[in-house]
Amino acid sequence: MPMSEIKVDHEDLSALPEQRRQKILLTLQMEGQVLAADLSQRFNVSEDTVRRDLRELARAGMVKRVYGGAVPLALDTGKPYVQRANSQEHIKQELAQAALALIRPRQILFLDASTTNRQIARALPNDVPLTVVTNCPPIAVDLSDHPLVTIIMPGGKLNKAMQALTGPECVEKLSQVNADLCFLGVCAIHPHYGICSENDEEVFVKRAMLEHAAEVAIIATEDKVGAVEGFKIAPIDKITHMITPDTVPKDLLTPYVEKAIRVIPVGETSAKTMRRTS
């Protein structure tokens, strides 16, 4: 819910920048976005003061500045593949298990170079024949012993930090594939700012996969839902499925449900899939 629709007590934090910034971070965590104009009224300070606060928080890597305010940054922002692979590993394994339910035998799958997609590759049953198109060498290696999976790699330039093939050759090859299902890892996803990446090279690769698949499943850990990064891949209406931990607040997921995206919450408290009701 936008801050303008929430009744809040005004606080005089004009002389307490550190406390004010902590309040901004708490508001971001609860509401998913802050607006400078609203914070100015809330804290009894000028909008210039709020903008300075947001600049400092952005400089510290704690928020992402957007027009008029700020949104959260994902926890993995700026980390290389190896570090991301070791982050939230148990949660990613749970999300991968849920993703398996979307897969049917003899499908052509896109798996991009996300660490959660690597968990999907490792969890694929040995008795399911598939064709997997991936730009991620570690995923290809993990699947090399699978008896029924055909692996296709698109070529291109290897980005070592991302463990991903990128570039025009990669994009051209992917554009020649008509995939049944794309599992797309994202750095951030936001109802207004769309599916985002922190790296401009991988935007074109992810976009090619998304545009050449019949169905697109986004797999996002909690920190990525409502976050924004610098490069937009596509609007959220390109998604058909969204798999997230069930700890994501329902109000953050409502915009996706309203777009008729099938939202699949994963975790011990999940009883059923969220669906749009008419």
Protein backbone atom coordinates (compact mmCIF):
# COMPACT_ATOMS: atom_id res chain seq x y z
CA MET A 1 0.00 0.00 0.00
CA PRO A 2 1.43 3.44 -0.88
CA MET A 3 2.55 5.52 2.09
CA SER A 4 0.09 8.24 1.13
CA GLU A 5 -2.75 5.85 1.95
CA ILE A 6 -1.41 4.98 5.42
CA LYS A 7 -2.08 7.10 8.48
CA VAL A 8 1.19 7.63 10.31
CA ASP A 9 2.23 9.75 13.26
CA HIS A 10 4.55 12.60 12.38
CA GLU A 11 7.89 12.39 14.15
CA ASP A 12 10.37 15.20 14.70
CA LEU A 13 13.60 13.57 13.58
CA SER A 14 15.11 16.70 12.08
CA ALA A 15 18.23 16.50 14.27
CA LEU A 16 18.66 12.73 14.25
CA PRO A 17 19.91 11.61 10.80
CA GLU A 18 20.98 8.11 11.88
CA GLN A 19 17.67 7.37 13.57
CA ARG A 20 15.82 8.85 10.59
CA ARG A 21 17.71 6.59 8.17
CA GLN A 22 16.95 3.54 10.29
CA LYS A 23 13.27 4.50 10.15
CA ILE A 24 13.53 4.81 6.37
CA LEU A 25 14.99 1.30 6.12
CA LEU A 26 12.26 -0.07 8.39
CA THR A 27 9.59 1.58 6.26
CA LEU A 28 11.16 0.12 3.13
CA GLN A 29 11.13 -3.33 4.67
CA MET A 30 7.46 -3.04 5.61
CA GLU A 31 6.08 -1.22 2.56
CA GLY A 32 8.49 -1.97 -0.28
CA GLN A 33 8.95 1.66 -1.35
CA VAL A 34 9.42 5.12 0.13
CA LEU A 35 8.67 8.53 -1.34
CA ALA A 36 10.68 11.59 -0.43
CA ALA A 37 7.58 13.81 -0.17
CA ASP A 38 5.89 11.44 2.28
CA LEU A 39 9.02 11.00 4.39
CA SER A 40 9.46 14.76 4.54
CA GLN A 41 6.05 15.16 6.17
CA ARG A 42 6.47 12.10 8.33
CA PHE A 43 9.79 13.17 9.83
CA ASN A 44 9.21 16.94 9.83
CA VAL A 45 12.21 17.66 7.60
CA SER A 46 12.66 19.11 4.13
CA GLU A 47 12.60 16.98 1.00
CA ASP A 48 16.22 17.97 0.40
CA THR A 49 17.11 16.43 3.76
CA VAL A 50 15.28 13.22 2.84
CA ARG A 51 17.01 13.10 -0.53
CA ARG A 52 20.38 13.42 1.24
CA ASP A 53 19.40 10.54 3.50
CA LEU A 54 18.46 8.42 0.50
CA ARG A 55 21.71 9.29 -1.26
CA GLU A 56 23.71 8.20 1.79
CA LEU A 57 21.75 4.97 2.08
CA ALA A 58 22.24 4.30 -1.64
CA ARG A 59 25.97 5.04 -1.35
CA ALA A 60 26.14 2.48 1.47
CA GLY A 61 24.46 -0.10 -0.77
CA MET A 62 21.32 -0.29 1.35
CA VAL A 63 18.69 1.11 -1.05
CA LYS A 64 18.15 1.79 -4.73
CA ARG A 65 17.31 5.36 -5.67
CA VAL A 66 14.36 5.79 -8.05
CA TYR A 67 12.47 8.85 -9.21
CA GLY A 68 10.85 10.46 -6.17
CA GLY A 69 12.16 8.03 -3.59
CA ALA A 70 13.81 4.66 -3.09
CA VAL A 71 13.19 0.91 -3.17
CA PRO A 72 15.07 -2.02 -1.59
CA LEU A 73 18.17 -3.66 -3.05
CA ALA A 74 18.47 -7.44 -3.21
CA LEU A 75 20.94 -9.07 -0.81
CA ASP A 76 23.04 -10.57 -3.61
CA THR A 77 23.58 -7.31 -5.48
CA GLY A 78 27.16 -7.04 -6.72
CA LYS A 79 28.25 -10.50 -5.56
CA PRO A 80 29.96 -12.93 -7.94
CA TYR A 81 28.35 -16.27 -8.85
CA VAL A 82 30.34 -18.33 -6.33
CA GLN A 83 29.25 -16.15 -3.42
CA ARG A 84 25.64 -16.09 -4.57
CA ALA A 85 25.65 -19.88 -4.88
CA ASN A 86 26.37 -20.17 -1.15
CA SER A 87 23.75 -17.61 -0.14
CA GLN A 88 20.30 -18.80 1.00
CA GLU A 89 21.11 -22.26 -0.36
CA HIS A 90 18.40 -24.11 1.58
CA ILE A 91 15.71 -21.66 0.44
CA LYS A 92 16.85 -21.98 -3.18
CA GLN A 93 16.64 -25.76 -2.92
CA GLU A 94 13.04 -25.49 -1.71
CA LEU A 95 12.15 -23.14 -4.54
CA ALA A 96 13.79 -25.51 -7.03
CA GLN A 97 11.72 -28.43 -5.77
CA ALA A 98 8.54 -26.39 -6.33
CA ALA A 99 9.72 -25.50 -9.83
CA LEU A 100 9.96 -29.17 -10.78
CA ALA A 101 6.16 -29.42 -10.68
CA LEU A 102 5.97 -27.15 -13.75
CA ILE A 103 8.16 -29.40 -15.91
CA ARG A 104 6.78 -32.03 -18.29
CA PRO A 105 8.68 -34.78 -20.15
CA ARG A 106 10.24 -33.90 -23.53
CA GLN A 107 9.96 -30.16 -22.99
CA ILE A 108 12.58 -27.67 -24.12
CA LEU A 109 13.69 -25.61 -21.13
CA PHE A 110 15.62 -22.37 -20.83
CA LEU A 111 17.77 -22.21 -17.69
CA ASP A 112 19.68 -18.98 -17.36
CA ALA A 113 22.74 -18.47 -15.19
CA SER A 114 21.05 -18.11 -11.83
CA THR A 115 22.13 -20.01 -8.75
CA THR A 116 18.55 -21.17 -8.12
CA ASN A 117 18.39 -22.59 -11.64
CA ARG A 118 21.47 -24.61 -10.80
CA GLN A 119 19.49 -26.16 -7.95
CA ILE A 120 16.73 -27.01 -10.46
CA ALA A 121 19.27 -28.71 -12.72
CA ARG A 122 20.63 -30.76 -9.83
CA ALA A 123 17.13 -31.81 -8.78
CA LEU A 124 15.85 -32.98 -12.20
CA PRO A 125 14.69 -36.61 -11.96
CA ASN A 126 16.81 -39.08 -13.93
CA ASP A 127 13.77 -40.59 -15.70
CA VAL A 128 12.52 -37.36 -17.35
CA PRO A 129 13.69 -36.69 -20.94
CA LEU A 130 14.32 -32.98 -21.58
CA THR A 131 16.25 -30.58 -23.73
CA VAL A 132 17.91 -27.89 -21.62
CA VAL A 133 19.23 -24.74 -23.26
CA THR A 134 21.50 -22.88 -20.83
CA ASN A 135 24.07 -20.11 -20.98
CA CYS A 136 25.55 -21.27 -17.68
CA PRO A 137 28.58 -23.61 -17.82
CA PRO A 138 28.13 -24.88 -14.22
CA ILE A 139 24.57 -25.95 -15.07
CA ALA A 140 25.77 -27.73 -18.19
CA VAL A 141 28.40 -29.57 -16.15
CA ASP A 142 25.85 -30.56 -13.50
CA LEU A 143 23.58 -32.02 -16.20
CA SER A 144 26.36 -33.79 -18.12
CA ASP A 145 25.71 -37.05 -16.27
CA HIS A 146 21.92 -36.93 -16.65
CA PRO A 147 20.96 -39.91 -18.85
CA LEU A 148 17.99 -38.28 -20.61
CA VAL A 149 18.83 -34.57 -20.84
CA THR A 150 20.13 -33.06 -24.05
CA ILE A 151 22.22 -29.96 -23.31
CA ILE A 152 22.49 -27.03 -25.70
CA MET A 153 24.81 -24.10 -25.02
CA PRO A 154 24.41 -20.98 -27.16
CA GLY A 155 28.02 -19.84 -27.36
CA GLY A 156 29.22 -16.30 -26.87
CA LYS A 157 31.55 -14.58 -24.41
CA LEU A 158 31.98 -16.00 -20.90
CA ASN A 159 31.47 -13.53 -18.09
CA LYS A 160 33.55 -15.23 -15.41
CA ALA A 161 32.05 -13.38 -12.44
CA MET A 162 28.50 -14.30 -13.51
CA GLN A 163 29.46 -17.74 -14.91
CA ALA A 164 27.29 -16.81 -17.90
CA LEU A 165 27.64 -16.73 -21.66
CA THR A 166 26.61 -13.36 -23.10
CA GLY A 167 26.96 -11.29 -26.27
CA PRO A 168 25.34 -11.13 -29.73
CA GLU A 169 26.21 -14.72 -30.67
CA CYS A 170 24.52 -16.00 -27.52
CA VAL A 171 21.40 -13.87 -28.05
CA GLU A 172 21.13 -14.90 -31.73
CA LYS A 173 21.28 -18.61 -30.87
CA LEU A 174 18.68 -18.28 -28.13
CA SER A 175 16.38 -16.42 -30.51
CA GLN A 176 16.27 -19.49 -32.75
CA VAL A 177 14.81 -21.67 -29.99
CA ASN A 178 11.09 -22.12 -29.31
CA ALA A 179 11.18 -23.20 -25.68
CA ASP A 180 8.23 -24.59 -23.73
CA LEU A 181 9.29 -23.16 -20.40
CA CYS A 182 11.83 -20.60 -19.23
CA PHE A 183 13.09 -20.47 -15.66
CA LEU A 184 14.45 -16.96 -15.29
CA GLY A 185 16.61 -15.91 -12.38
CA VAL A 186 16.27 -12.25 -11.47
CA CYS A 187 18.27 -9.75 -9.46
CA ALA A 188 15.08 -7.87 -8.60
CA ILE A 189 11.40 -7.71 -9.51
CA HIS A 190 9.03 -4.82 -8.92
CA PRO A 191 5.41 -4.25 -10.09
CA HIS A 192 6.25 -0.87 -11.62
CA TYR A 193 9.91 -1.22 -12.60
CA GLY A 194 9.58 -4.78 -13.86
CA ILE A 195 12.08 -7.64 -14.01
CA CYS A 196 15.53 -6.18 -13.40
CA SER A 197 19.21 -7.04 -13.63
CA GLU A 198 22.29 -5.32 -12.27
CA ASN A 199 24.30 -6.26 -15.37
CA ASP A 200 23.58 -4.81 -18.80
CA GLU A 201 25.20 -7.75 -20.64
CA GLU A 202 22.81 -10.34 -19.27
CA VAL A 203 19.70 -8.23 -19.92
CA PHE A 204 19.73 -9.13 -23.63
CA VAL A 205 20.27 -12.83 -22.89
CA LYS A 206 17.46 -13.01 -20.35
CA ARG A 207 15.16 -11.03 -22.64
CA ALA A 208 15.83 -13.42 -25.55
CA MET A 209 14.94 -16.39 -23.33
CA LEU A 210 11.81 -14.72 -22.00
CA GLU A 211 10.58 -13.71 -25.46
CA HIS A 212 11.10 -17.17 -26.97
CA ALA A 213 9.37 -19.31 -24.35
CA ALA A 214 5.71 -20.28 -24.15
CA GLU A 215 5.75 -19.94 -20.35
CA VAL A 216 8.05 -17.96 -18.08
CA ALA A 217 8.61 -18.80 -14.42
CA ILE A 218 10.37 -16.27 -12.22
CA ILE A 219 12.04 -17.70 -9.14
CA ALA A 220 12.75 -15.01 -6.54
CA THR A 221 13.99 -15.14 -2.98
CA GLU A 222 12.28 -12.77 -0.56
CA ASP A 223 14.89 -10.01 -0.81
CA LYS A 224 14.35 -9.72 -4.58
CA VAL A 225 10.58 -9.16 -4.44
CA GLY A 226 9.92 -5.41 -4.51
CA ALA A 227 13.57 -4.62 -5.20
CA VAL A 228 14.90 -2.73 -8.23
CA GLU A 229 18.18 -2.86 -10.15
CA GLY A 230 19.61 -0.61 -12.84
CA PHE A 231 18.60 -2.46 -16.02
CA LYS A 232 15.07 -3.51 -16.97
CA ILE A 233 14.62 -6.85 -18.71
CA ALA A 234 10.84 -6.78 -19.22
CA PRO A 235 7.56 -5.75 -17.57
CA ILE A 236 5.96 -8.22 -15.18
CA ASP A 237 3.14 -9.06 -17.59
CA LYS A 238 5.62 -11.24 -19.48
CA ILE A 239 5.57 -13.69 -16.56
CA THR A 240 3.22 -16.68 -16.27
CA HIS A 241 4.48 -18.10 -12.95
CA MET A 242 6.23 -16.65 -9.92
CA ILE A 243 7.79 -18.90 -7.28
CA THR A 244 8.71 -17.25 -3.98
CA PRO A 245 9.15 -18.14 -0.31
CA ASP A 246 5.90 -17.96 1.63
CA THR A 247 7.53 -15.39 3.92
CA VAL A 248 7.01 -12.70 1.28
CA PRO A 249 4.16 -10.45 2.53
CA LYS A 250 0.96 -11.07 0.60
CA ASP A 251 0.46 -7.38 -0.17
CA LEU A 252 3.77 -7.38 -2.07
CA LEU A 253 2.49 -10.26 -4.20
CA THR A 254 -0.99 -8.87 -4.88
CA PRO A 255 0.08 -6.83 -7.97
CA TYR A 256 1.32 -10.04 -9.60
CA VAL A 257 -1.85 -11.95 -8.79
CA GLU A 258 -3.86 -9.07 -10.28
CA LYS A 259 -1.88 -9.51 -13.52
CA ALA A 260 -3.13 -13.14 -13.62
CA ILE A 261 0.35 -14.45 -12.79
CA ARG A 262 0.24 -17.74 -10.94
CA VAL A 263 2.05 -17.03 -7.68
CA ILE A 264 3.42 -20.12 -5.95
CA PRO A 265 4.47 -19.53 -2.32
CA VAL A 266 6.89 -22.14 -1.01
CA GLY A 267 7.50 -23.12 2.60
CA GLU A 268 6.13 -24.90 5.63
CA THR A 269 3.13 -22.58 6.01
CA SER A 270 2.08 -22.71 2.36
CA ALA A 271 -1.26 -24.41 2.02
CA LYS A 272 -2.16 -23.47 -1.52
CA THR A 273 -1.22 -21.41 -4.56
CA MET A 274 -2.36 -17.80 -4.67
CA ARG A 275 -4.70 -17.26 -7.60
CA ARG A 276 -6.57 -14.28 -8.97
CA THR A 277 -10.18 -14.31 -7.88
CA SER A 278 -12.96 -12.77 -9.90
